[in-house]
Amino acid sequence: MLPRSVRSPLILLRPDLHDYLFDSKTLYYDVTPFMYYVMVHSTHCAPFSSAVLISAVPTQCQRDSAGCHLVGYFSKEKESAENYNVACILTLPQHQRSGFGRLVIDFSYLLSQREGKLGSPEKPLSDLGLLGYRSYWRDKIVETVLAAGEEISVDEIAQATSITHADVMNTYVLCYFRSVLSKSF
């Protein structure tokens, strides 16, 4: 089941954007090993099913008078030796702090789950990216632990969320130290 936020009138497209985005650029690196997922918003999009979202085929989206509005995107290596589920992620500034970045992060982990892999974003992350991922990881881990209702291993959390073991452990340590420090002051 997709999160409630994914069932809103947003479309995630996965076109081959190489020619569109990079036609006038001088490329020093080949972009064909990457998949590009673009999120647009239109107020006239019909609801869509999870099958349509995952297959990245938009249906019944009609542009408003200004057209479909780019919200953000992420790219992902088609084959990543390090199991990165995101190579580059961007939410446009006017859409930041509105939940769209979290939606893109969540979608990248839904893709990892569909592929049966654990994933992590390519490092290093920007300051805002790190804040967004730490918040996402914390919330997903807490949600998974509470849903388990009993002891749960790091491996079980990782398998349930598709978050790598290292990201699960780093998030746990960070949350633990924050709770210790907040009790000290």
N, C-alpha and C. Protein backbone atom coordinates (compact mmCIF):
# COMPACT_ATOMS: atom_id res chain seq x y z
N MET A 1 0.85 -1.19 0.00
CA MET A 1 0.00 0.00 0.00
C MET A 1 0.88 1.24 0.00
N LEU A 2 0.59 2.16 -0.85
CA LEU A 2 1.36 3.39 -0.92
C LEU A 2 0.93 4.34 0.18
N PRO A 3 1.85 5.18 0.66
CA PRO A 3 1.48 6.16 1.67
C PRO A 3 0.42 7.12 1.14
N ARG A 4 -0.32 7.70 2.05
CA ARG A 4 -1.40 8.62 1.69
C ARG A 4 -0.89 9.73 0.79
N SER A 5 0.29 10.23 1.07
CA SER A 5 0.81 11.36 0.29
C SER A 5 1.03 11.00 -1.17
N VAL A 6 1.30 9.72 -1.47
CA VAL A 6 1.53 9.30 -2.84
C VAL A 6 0.22 9.22 -3.62
N ARG A 7 -0.91 9.10 -2.92
CA ARG A 7 -2.20 8.98 -3.61
C ARG A 7 -2.82 10.33 -3.92
N SER A 8 -2.09 11.41 -3.70
CA SER A 8 -2.58 12.74 -4.02
C SER A 8 -2.35 13.01 -5.51
N PRO A 9 -2.84 14.14 -6.03
CA PRO A 9 -2.69 14.39 -7.46
C PRO A 9 -1.27 14.77 -7.87
N LEU A 10 -0.36 13.84 -7.70
CA LEU A 10 1.02 14.01 -8.13
C LEU A 10 1.33 12.88 -9.08
N ILE A 11 2.22 13.13 -9.99
CA ILE A 11 2.63 12.08 -10.92
C ILE A 11 4.13 11.96 -10.82
N LEU A 12 4.62 10.74 -10.80
CA LEU A 12 6.04 10.52 -10.89
C LEU A 12 6.30 9.90 -12.25
N LEU A 13 7.10 10.55 -13.04
CA LEU A 13 7.42 10.09 -14.37
C LEU A 13 8.83 9.54 -14.39
N ARG A 14 9.09 8.60 -15.25
CA ARG A 14 10.43 8.09 -15.40
C ARG A 14 10.80 8.10 -16.88
N PRO A 15 10.85 9.26 -17.48
CA PRO A 15 11.22 9.30 -18.90
C PRO A 15 12.73 9.23 -19.06
N ASP A 16 13.16 8.98 -20.26
CA ASP A 16 14.58 9.09 -20.55
C ASP A 16 14.83 10.57 -20.79
N LEU A 17 15.36 11.25 -19.79
CA LEU A 17 15.51 12.69 -19.84
C LEU A 17 16.84 13.15 -20.43
N HIS A 18 17.65 12.21 -20.83
CA HIS A 18 18.98 12.58 -21.30
C HIS A 18 18.93 13.66 -22.36
N ASP A 19 18.18 13.45 -23.43
CA ASP A 19 18.14 14.42 -24.52
C ASP A 19 17.50 15.73 -24.08
N TYR A 20 16.48 15.64 -23.24
CA TYR A 20 15.77 16.85 -22.83
C TYR A 20 16.60 17.70 -21.88
N LEU A 21 17.17 17.06 -20.85
CA LEU A 21 17.89 17.82 -19.83
C LEU A 21 19.31 18.17 -20.23
N PHE A 22 19.93 17.31 -21.02
CA PHE A 22 21.36 17.46 -21.24
C PHE A 22 21.75 17.74 -22.69
N ASP A 23 20.80 18.06 -23.54
CA ASP A 23 21.08 18.26 -24.95
C ASP A 23 22.08 19.39 -25.18
N SER A 24 21.95 20.47 -24.46
CA SER A 24 22.83 21.61 -24.68
C SER A 24 24.02 21.64 -23.73
N LYS A 25 24.23 20.59 -22.99
CA LYS A 25 25.32 20.56 -22.02
C LYS A 25 26.51 19.80 -22.57
N THR A 26 27.67 20.16 -22.12
CA THR A 26 28.86 19.39 -22.42
C THR A 26 28.99 18.36 -21.31
N LEU A 27 28.96 17.11 -21.69
CA LEU A 27 28.96 16.04 -20.69
C LEU A 27 30.36 15.44 -20.56
N TYR A 28 30.79 15.34 -19.33
CA TYR A 28 32.05 14.68 -19.06
C TYR A 28 31.82 13.26 -18.56
N TYR A 29 30.59 12.96 -18.19
CA TYR A 29 30.23 11.64 -17.71
C TYR A 29 29.02 11.16 -18.48
N ASP A 30 28.95 9.88 -18.72
CA ASP A 30 27.83 9.28 -19.42
C ASP A 30 26.62 9.25 -18.50
N VAL A 31 25.48 9.71 -18.97
CA VAL A 31 24.27 9.73 -18.13
C VAL A 31 23.34 8.56 -18.44
N THR A 32 23.67 7.74 -19.44
CA THR A 32 22.78 6.63 -19.79
C THR A 32 22.69 5.56 -18.72
N PRO A 33 23.67 5.39 -17.81
CA PRO A 33 23.50 4.37 -16.77
C PRO A 33 22.50 4.78 -15.67
N PHE A 34 21.87 5.94 -15.81
CA PHE A 34 20.98 6.45 -14.77
C PHE A 34 19.52 6.42 -15.22
N MET A 35 18.65 6.23 -14.26
CA MET A 35 17.21 6.39 -14.44
C MET A 35 16.87 7.72 -13.81
N TYR A 36 15.94 8.46 -14.41
CA TYR A 36 15.52 9.76 -13.90
C TYR A 36 14.04 9.69 -13.56
N TYR A 37 13.71 10.07 -12.34
CA TYR A 37 12.33 10.10 -11.89
C TYR A 37 11.97 11.55 -11.61
N VAL A 38 10.99 12.05 -12.30
CA VAL A 38 10.61 13.45 -12.21
C VAL A 38 9.24 13.53 -11.57
N MET A 39 9.08 14.43 -10.61
CA MET A 39 7.79 14.64 -9.97
C MET A 39 7.24 15.97 -10.45
N VAL A 40 6.00 15.89 -10.96
CA VAL A 40 5.30 17.10 -11.38
C VAL A 40 3.98 17.16 -10.65
N HIS A 41 3.44 18.35 -10.55
CA HIS A 41 2.17 18.55 -9.88
C HIS A 41 1.23 19.27 -10.83
N SER A 42 0.03 18.78 -10.91
CA SER A 42 -1.00 19.45 -11.68
C SER A 42 -2.30 19.34 -10.90
N THR A 43 -3.04 20.39 -10.85
CA THR A 43 -4.29 20.38 -10.07
C THR A 43 -5.39 19.60 -10.77
N HIS A 44 -5.16 19.15 -12.00
CA HIS A 44 -6.21 18.44 -12.74
C HIS A 44 -5.87 16.98 -13.01
N CYS A 45 -5.02 16.39 -12.19
CA CYS A 45 -4.67 14.98 -12.39
C CYS A 45 -5.71 14.10 -11.74
N ALA A 46 -6.10 13.06 -12.45
CA ALA A 46 -7.02 12.08 -11.88
C ALA A 46 -6.25 11.19 -10.91
N PRO A 47 -6.90 10.64 -9.91
CA PRO A 47 -6.21 9.71 -9.00
C PRO A 47 -5.66 8.53 -9.80
N PHE A 48 -4.58 7.94 -9.30
CA PHE A 48 -3.99 6.82 -9.99
C PHE A 48 -3.71 5.71 -9.01
N SER A 49 -3.55 4.50 -9.53
CA SER A 49 -3.31 3.34 -8.68
C SER A 49 -1.82 3.17 -8.45
N SER A 50 -1.47 2.31 -7.50
CA SER A 50 -0.06 2.07 -7.22
C SER A 50 0.62 1.43 -8.42
N ALA A 51 -0.10 0.61 -9.19
CA ALA A 51 0.51 -0.01 -10.36
C ALA A 51 0.91 1.04 -11.38
N VAL A 52 0.10 2.05 -11.54
CA VAL A 52 0.43 3.12 -12.48
C VAL A 52 1.62 3.92 -11.98
N LEU A 53 1.66 4.18 -10.69
CA LEU A 53 2.76 4.95 -10.11
C LEU A 53 4.07 4.19 -10.24
N ILE A 54 4.06 2.91 -9.86
CA ILE A 54 5.29 2.13 -9.87
C ILE A 54 5.79 1.93 -11.30
N SER A 55 4.88 1.71 -12.24
CA SER A 55 5.33 1.54 -13.61
C SER A 55 5.68 2.88 -14.25
N ALA A 56 5.40 3.96 -13.53
CA ALA A 56 5.75 5.31 -13.94
C ALA A 56 5.09 5.72 -15.24
N VAL A 57 3.87 5.29 -15.43
CA VAL A 57 3.12 5.67 -16.62
C VAL A 57 1.97 6.57 -16.18
N PRO A 58 2.03 7.86 -16.49
CA PRO A 58 0.94 8.74 -16.08
C PRO A 58 -0.30 8.50 -16.92
N THR A 59 -1.46 8.59 -16.28
CA THR A 59 -2.71 8.45 -17.01
C THR A 59 -3.63 9.59 -16.64
N GLN A 60 -4.38 10.05 -17.57
CA GLN A 60 -5.43 11.03 -17.38
C GLN A 60 -4.94 12.30 -16.67
N CYS A 61 -3.73 12.71 -16.91
CA CYS A 61 -3.25 13.96 -16.33
C CYS A 61 -3.44 15.06 -17.36
N GLN A 62 -4.16 16.07 -16.98
CA GLN A 62 -4.35 17.19 -17.87
C GLN A 62 -3.69 18.40 -17.24
N ARG A 63 -2.96 19.10 -18.07
CA ARG A 63 -2.27 20.27 -17.56
C ARG A 63 -3.28 21.38 -17.29
N ASP A 64 -2.99 22.19 -16.28
CA ASP A 64 -3.83 23.37 -16.06
C ASP A 64 -3.35 24.46 -17.01
N SER A 65 -3.87 25.64 -16.88
CA SER A 65 -3.54 26.71 -17.82
C SER A 65 -2.04 27.02 -17.84
N ALA A 66 -1.37 26.76 -16.75
CA ALA A 66 0.08 27.01 -16.69
C ALA A 66 0.87 25.74 -16.99
N GLY A 67 0.21 24.60 -17.15
CA GLY A 67 0.88 23.33 -17.43
C GLY A 67 1.13 22.53 -16.17
N CYS A 68 1.84 21.42 -16.33
CA CYS A 68 2.27 20.64 -15.18
C CYS A 68 3.47 21.33 -14.56
N HIS A 69 3.58 21.26 -13.26
CA HIS A 69 4.60 22.01 -12.54
C HIS A 69 5.65 21.07 -11.97
N LEU A 70 6.91 21.31 -12.35
CA LEU A 70 8.02 20.52 -11.85
C LEU A 70 8.19 20.78 -10.36
N VAL A 71 8.22 19.71 -9.58
CA VAL A 71 8.41 19.82 -8.14
C VAL A 71 9.81 19.39 -7.75
N GLY A 72 10.28 18.31 -8.37
CA GLY A 72 11.60 17.81 -8.05
C GLY A 72 11.90 16.57 -8.85
N TYR A 73 13.05 15.97 -8.59
CA TYR A 73 13.42 14.75 -9.29
C TYR A 73 14.47 14.01 -8.46
N PHE A 74 14.68 12.76 -8.85
CA PHE A 74 15.87 12.07 -8.38
C PHE A 74 16.37 11.17 -9.48
N SER A 75 17.66 10.90 -9.43
CA SER A 75 18.25 9.98 -10.38
C SER A 75 18.80 8.80 -9.61
N LYS A 76 18.91 7.71 -10.32
CA LYS A 76 19.33 6.46 -9.70
C LYS A 76 20.13 5.67 -10.72
N GLU A 77 21.24 5.10 -10.29
CA GLU A 77 22.01 4.25 -11.20
C GLU A 77 21.20 3.00 -11.50
N LYS A 78 21.21 2.60 -12.76
CA LYS A 78 20.50 1.37 -13.14
C LYS A 78 21.09 0.16 -12.43
N GLU A 79 22.40 0.12 -12.33
CA GLU A 79 23.10 -0.94 -11.60
C GLU A 79 24.12 -0.28 -10.68
N SER A 80 23.88 -0.33 -9.39
CA SER A 80 24.78 0.30 -8.43
C SER A 80 25.49 -0.77 -7.61
N ALA A 81 26.80 -0.80 -7.69
CA ALA A 81 27.58 -1.78 -6.93
C ALA A 81 27.46 -1.54 -5.43
N GLU A 82 27.20 -0.28 -5.04
CA GLU A 82 27.10 0.07 -3.62
C GLU A 82 25.65 0.05 -3.12
N ASN A 83 24.71 -0.37 -3.96
CA ASN A 83 23.27 -0.40 -3.63
C ASN A 83 22.71 0.97 -3.29
N TYR A 84 23.18 2.00 -3.98
CA TYR A 84 22.59 3.31 -3.82
C TYR A 84 21.20 3.31 -4.47
N ASN A 85 20.21 3.82 -3.76
CA ASN A 85 18.89 3.94 -4.37
C ASN A 85 18.63 5.35 -4.88
N VAL A 86 19.55 6.27 -4.62
CA VAL A 86 19.47 7.63 -5.13
C VAL A 86 20.89 8.11 -5.42
N ALA A 87 21.09 8.64 -6.63
CA ALA A 87 22.37 9.25 -6.95
C ALA A 87 22.31 10.75 -6.71
N CYS A 88 21.21 11.36 -7.12
CA CYS A 88 21.03 12.79 -6.95
C CYS A 88 19.54 13.04 -6.69
N ILE A 89 19.25 13.91 -5.76
CA ILE A 89 17.86 14.22 -5.42
C ILE A 89 17.72 15.73 -5.29
N LEU A 90 16.60 16.24 -5.79
CA LEU A 90 16.39 17.67 -5.75
C LEU A 90 14.90 17.97 -5.62
N THR A 91 14.56 18.83 -4.69
CA THR A 91 13.24 19.43 -4.61
C THR A 91 13.45 20.91 -4.86
N LEU A 92 12.72 21.46 -5.81
CA LEU A 92 12.90 22.87 -6.13
C LEU A 92 12.61 23.73 -4.90
N PRO A 93 13.33 24.84 -4.74
CA PRO A 93 13.22 25.66 -3.53
C PRO A 93 11.79 26.06 -3.17
N GLN A 94 10.97 26.42 -4.15
CA GLN A 94 9.61 26.85 -3.83
C GLN A 94 8.73 25.71 -3.32
N HIS A 95 9.20 24.46 -3.45
CA HIS A 95 8.42 23.31 -2.98
C HIS A 95 9.05 22.66 -1.75
N GLN A 96 10.17 23.22 -1.26
CA GLN A 96 10.80 22.64 -0.08
C GLN A 96 9.96 22.94 1.15
N ARG A 97 10.11 22.09 2.15
CA ARG A 97 9.38 22.19 3.43
C ARG A 97 7.87 22.03 3.22
N SER A 98 7.50 21.30 2.17
CA SER A 98 6.09 21.02 1.89
C SER A 98 5.82 19.53 1.83
N GLY A 99 6.81 18.71 2.14
CA GLY A 99 6.64 17.26 2.14
C GLY A 99 6.99 16.59 0.82
N PHE A 100 7.32 17.36 -0.21
CA PHE A 100 7.62 16.75 -1.50
C PHE A 100 8.94 16.00 -1.49
N GLY A 101 9.95 16.53 -0.81
CA GLY A 101 11.24 15.84 -0.71
C GLY A 101 11.09 14.50 -0.02
N ARG A 102 10.29 14.49 1.04
CA ARG A 102 10.03 13.24 1.76
C ARG A 102 9.31 12.24 0.86
N LEU A 103 8.40 12.74 0.05
CA LEU A 103 7.68 11.88 -0.89
C LEU A 103 8.64 11.25 -1.90
N VAL A 104 9.58 12.03 -2.40
CA VAL A 104 10.57 11.51 -3.34
C VAL A 104 11.46 10.48 -2.64
N ILE A 105 11.88 10.76 -1.42
CA ILE A 105 12.67 9.79 -0.65
C ILE A 105 11.88 8.51 -0.45
N ASP A 106 10.63 8.64 -0.05
CA ASP A 106 9.78 7.47 0.17
C ASP A 106 9.63 6.66 -1.10
N PHE A 107 9.44 7.34 -2.23
CA PHE A 107 9.31 6.64 -3.50
C PHE A 107 10.58 5.87 -3.83
N SER A 108 11.76 6.45 -3.54
CA SER A 108 13.01 5.75 -3.83
C SER A 108 13.11 4.45 -3.01
N TYR A 109 12.60 4.49 -1.77
CA TYR A 109 12.62 3.27 -0.95
C TYR A 109 11.53 2.28 -1.39
N LEU A 110 10.42 2.77 -1.91
CA LEU A 110 9.43 1.87 -2.48
C LEU A 110 10.01 1.13 -3.69
N LEU A 111 10.80 1.82 -4.49
CA LEU A 111 11.47 1.16 -5.61
C LEU A 111 12.46 0.11 -5.11
N SER A 112 13.20 0.44 -4.05
CA SER A 112 14.13 -0.53 -3.46
C SER A 112 13.39 -1.76 -2.98
N GLN A 113 12.24 -1.56 -2.31
CA GLN A 113 11.45 -2.69 -1.85
C GLN A 113 10.98 -3.53 -3.02
N ARG A 114 10.53 -2.89 -4.07
CA ARG A 114 10.05 -3.60 -5.25
C ARG A 114 11.18 -4.42 -5.87
N GLU A 115 12.41 -3.89 -5.83
CA GLU A 115 13.58 -4.60 -6.36
C GLU A 115 14.10 -5.65 -5.39
N GLY A 116 13.58 -5.66 -4.15
CA GLY A 116 14.04 -6.61 -3.15
C GLY A 116 15.44 -6.29 -2.64
N LYS A 117 15.79 -5.02 -2.60
CA LYS A 117 17.12 -4.60 -2.18
C LYS A 117 17.03 -3.62 -1.02
N LEU A 118 18.13 -3.54 -0.27
CA LEU A 118 18.29 -2.47 0.70
C LEU A 118 18.98 -1.33 -0.03
N GLY A 119 18.63 -0.10 0.31
CA GLY A 119 19.21 1.03 -0.41
C GLY A 119 19.61 2.15 0.51
N SER A 120 20.45 3.01 -0.03
CA SER A 120 20.92 4.19 0.69
C SER A 120 21.25 5.24 -0.35
N PRO A 121 21.11 6.51 -0.02
CA PRO A 121 21.49 7.54 -0.99
C PRO A 121 23.01 7.62 -1.13
N GLU A 122 23.44 8.06 -2.30
CA GLU A 122 24.86 8.26 -2.53
C GLU A 122 25.37 9.35 -1.60
N LYS A 123 26.51 9.14 -1.01
CA LYS A 123 27.09 10.08 -0.06
C LYS A 123 28.22 10.85 -0.74
N PRO A 124 28.56 12.03 -0.30
CA PRO A 124 27.98 12.73 0.85
C PRO A 124 26.67 13.41 0.47
N LEU A 125 25.83 13.59 1.47
CA LEU A 125 24.57 14.30 1.30
C LEU A 125 24.78 15.78 1.60
N SER A 126 23.98 16.61 0.97
CA SER A 126 23.99 18.03 1.32
C SER A 126 23.44 18.18 2.73
N ASP A 127 23.59 19.36 3.31
CA ASP A 127 23.06 19.60 4.66
C ASP A 127 21.55 19.36 4.71
N LEU A 128 20.81 19.93 3.74
CA LEU A 128 19.36 19.73 3.71
C LEU A 128 19.00 18.28 3.41
N GLY A 129 19.77 17.65 2.53
CA GLY A 129 19.53 16.24 2.22
C GLY A 129 19.72 15.36 3.44
N LEU A 130 20.79 15.63 4.20
CA LEU A 130 21.05 14.87 5.41
C LEU A 130 19.92 15.03 6.43
N LEU A 131 19.45 16.26 6.60
CA LEU A 131 18.32 16.49 7.53
C LEU A 131 17.08 15.73 7.07
N GLY A 132 16.79 15.79 5.78
CA GLY A 132 15.62 15.10 5.25
C GLY A 132 15.70 13.60 5.40
N TYR A 133 16.86 13.03 5.08
CA TYR A 133 17.03 11.58 5.21
C TYR A 133 17.01 11.14 6.68
N ARG A 134 17.69 11.88 7.54
CA ARG A 134 17.68 11.50 8.97
C ARG A 134 16.25 11.51 9.51
N SER A 135 15.47 12.50 9.15
CA SER A 135 14.08 12.57 9.60
C SER A 135 13.28 11.40 9.04
N TYR A 136 13.47 11.11 7.77
CA TYR A 136 12.76 9.98 7.14
C TYR A 136 13.14 8.66 7.80
N TRP A 137 14.46 8.42 7.94
CA TRP A 137 14.91 7.18 8.56
C TRP A 137 14.36 7.03 9.97
N ARG A 138 14.45 8.10 10.77
CA ARG A 138 13.95 8.04 12.15
C ARG A 138 12.47 7.65 12.17
N ASP A 139 11.67 8.34 11.38
CA ASP A 139 10.23 8.07 11.38
C ASP A 139 9.90 6.66 10.91
N LYS A 140 10.59 6.18 9.87
CA LYS A 140 10.33 4.83 9.36
C LYS A 140 10.76 3.76 10.36
N ILE A 141 11.89 3.99 11.00
CA ILE A 141 12.39 3.01 11.98
C ILE A 141 11.45 2.96 13.19
N VAL A 142 11.06 4.11 13.70
CA VAL A 142 10.14 4.14 14.85
C VAL A 142 8.81 3.49 14.47
N GLU A 143 8.30 3.80 13.30
CA GLU A 143 7.05 3.19 12.83
C GLU A 143 7.16 1.67 12.76
N THR A 144 8.29 1.16 12.28
CA THR A 144 8.51 -0.28 12.16
C THR A 144 8.65 -0.93 13.53
N VAL A 145 9.38 -0.29 14.43
CA VAL A 145 9.55 -0.84 15.79
C VAL A 145 8.21 -0.88 16.51
N LEU A 146 7.43 0.18 16.43
CA LEU A 146 6.12 0.21 17.09
C LEU A 146 5.17 -0.81 16.50
N ALA A 147 5.22 -1.02 15.19
CA ALA A 147 4.35 -2.00 14.53
C ALA A 147 4.72 -3.42 14.94
N ALA A 148 6.01 -3.65 15.23
CA ALA A 148 6.45 -5.00 15.63
C ALA A 148 5.88 -5.37 17.00
N GLY A 149 5.77 -4.40 17.89
CA GLY A 149 5.20 -4.65 19.21
C GLY A 149 6.06 -5.49 20.13
N GLU A 150 7.21 -5.87 19.70
CA GLU A 150 8.14 -6.67 20.51
C GLU A 150 9.55 -6.35 20.05
N GLU A 151 10.51 -7.10 20.57
CA GLU A 151 11.88 -6.86 20.14
C GLU A 151 12.00 -7.13 18.64
N ILE A 152 12.80 -6.32 18.00
CA ILE A 152 13.01 -6.46 16.56
C ILE A 152 14.48 -6.19 16.28
N SER A 153 15.06 -6.98 15.41
CA SER A 153 16.49 -6.84 15.11
C SER A 153 16.73 -5.77 14.07
N VAL A 154 17.96 -5.36 13.98
CA VAL A 154 18.36 -4.38 12.96
C VAL A 154 18.09 -4.96 11.57
N ASP A 155 18.37 -6.24 11.39
CA ASP A 155 18.11 -6.87 10.09
C ASP A 155 16.62 -6.86 9.76
N GLU A 156 15.78 -7.13 10.72
CA GLU A 156 14.33 -7.11 10.47
C GLU A 156 13.85 -5.70 10.12
N ILE A 157 14.40 -4.69 10.78
CA ILE A 157 14.05 -3.31 10.46
C ILE A 157 14.50 -2.99 9.04
N ALA A 158 15.74 -3.37 8.71
CA ALA A 158 16.27 -3.11 7.38
C ALA A 158 15.42 -3.79 6.30
N GLN A 159 15.06 -5.04 6.52
CA GLN A 159 14.25 -5.76 5.53
C GLN A 159 12.86 -5.15 5.38
N ALA A 160 12.29 -4.69 6.47
CA ALA A 160 10.94 -4.11 6.42
C ALA A 160 10.90 -2.75 5.76
N THR A 161 12.00 -2.00 5.85
CA THR A 161 12.02 -0.62 5.36
C THR A 161 12.86 -0.42 4.10
N SER A 162 13.70 -1.39 3.77
CA SER A 162 14.69 -1.30 2.68
C SER A 162 15.78 -0.28 2.97
N ILE A 163 15.90 0.13 4.22
CA ILE A 163 16.98 1.03 4.65
C ILE A 163 18.18 0.15 5.03
N THR A 164 19.36 0.52 4.60
CA THR A 164 20.54 -0.32 4.86
C THR A 164 20.78 -0.45 6.37
N HIS A 165 21.48 -1.53 6.72
CA HIS A 165 21.83 -1.76 8.12
C HIS A 165 22.61 -0.59 8.70
N ALA A 166 23.56 -0.07 7.93
CA ALA A 166 24.38 1.06 8.41
C ALA A 166 23.52 2.28 8.70
N ASP A 167 22.55 2.58 7.81
CA ASP A 167 21.68 3.74 8.04
C ASP A 167 20.76 3.52 9.24
N VAL A 168 20.30 2.28 9.43
CA VAL A 168 19.48 1.96 10.60
C VAL A 168 20.30 2.17 11.87
N MET A 169 21.51 1.64 11.90
CA MET A 169 22.36 1.76 13.09
C MET A 169 22.76 3.21 13.36
N ASN A 170 23.15 3.94 12.32
CA ASN A 170 23.54 5.34 12.51
C ASN A 170 22.37 6.17 13.02
N THR A 171 21.18 5.89 12.53
CA THR A 171 19.99 6.61 12.99
C THR A 171 19.70 6.28 14.44
N TYR A 172 19.82 5.00 14.80
CA TYR A 172 19.59 4.59 16.18
C TYR A 172 20.58 5.29 17.12
N VAL A 173 21.85 5.29 16.77
CA VAL A 173 22.88 5.91 17.61
C VAL A 173 22.61 7.40 17.75
N LEU A 174 22.28 8.06 16.66
CA LEU A 174 22.00 9.49 16.70
C LEU A 174 20.80 9.79 17.60
N CYS A 175 19.74 9.00 17.46
CA CYS A 175 18.54 9.20 18.30
C CYS A 175 18.86 8.93 19.77
N TYR A 176 19.66 7.90 20.03
CA TYR A 176 20.03 7.57 21.40
C TYR A 176 20.80 8.72 22.04
N PHE A 177 21.80 9.24 21.34
CA PHE A 177 22.59 10.33 21.91
C PHE A 177 21.78 11.59 22.08
N ARG A 178 20.86 11.85 21.17
CA ARG A 178 19.99 13.02 21.34
C ARG A 178 19.13 12.88 22.59
N SER A 179 18.62 11.67 22.85
CA SER A 179 17.78 11.49 24.03
C SER A 179 18.60 11.60 25.31
N VAL A 180 19.85 11.10 25.28
CA VAL A 180 20.72 11.21 26.44
C VAL A 180 21.07 12.67 26.70
N LEU A 181 21.41 13.40 25.64
CA LEU A 181 21.78 14.80 25.79
C LEU A 181 20.59 15.65 26.25
N SER A 182 19.40 15.36 25.76
CA SER A 182 18.23 16.16 26.15
C SER A 182 17.90 15.93 27.64
N LYS A 183 18.23 14.76 28.18
CA LYS A 183 17.98 14.49 29.60
C LYS A 183 19.06 15.12 30.48
N SER A 184 20.22 15.41 29.89
CA SER A 184 21.32 15.98 30.66
C SER A 184 21.16 17.45 30.92
N PHE A 185 20.38 18.14 30.08
CA PHE A 185 20.27 19.59 30.21
C PHE A 185 18.94 20.02 30.72
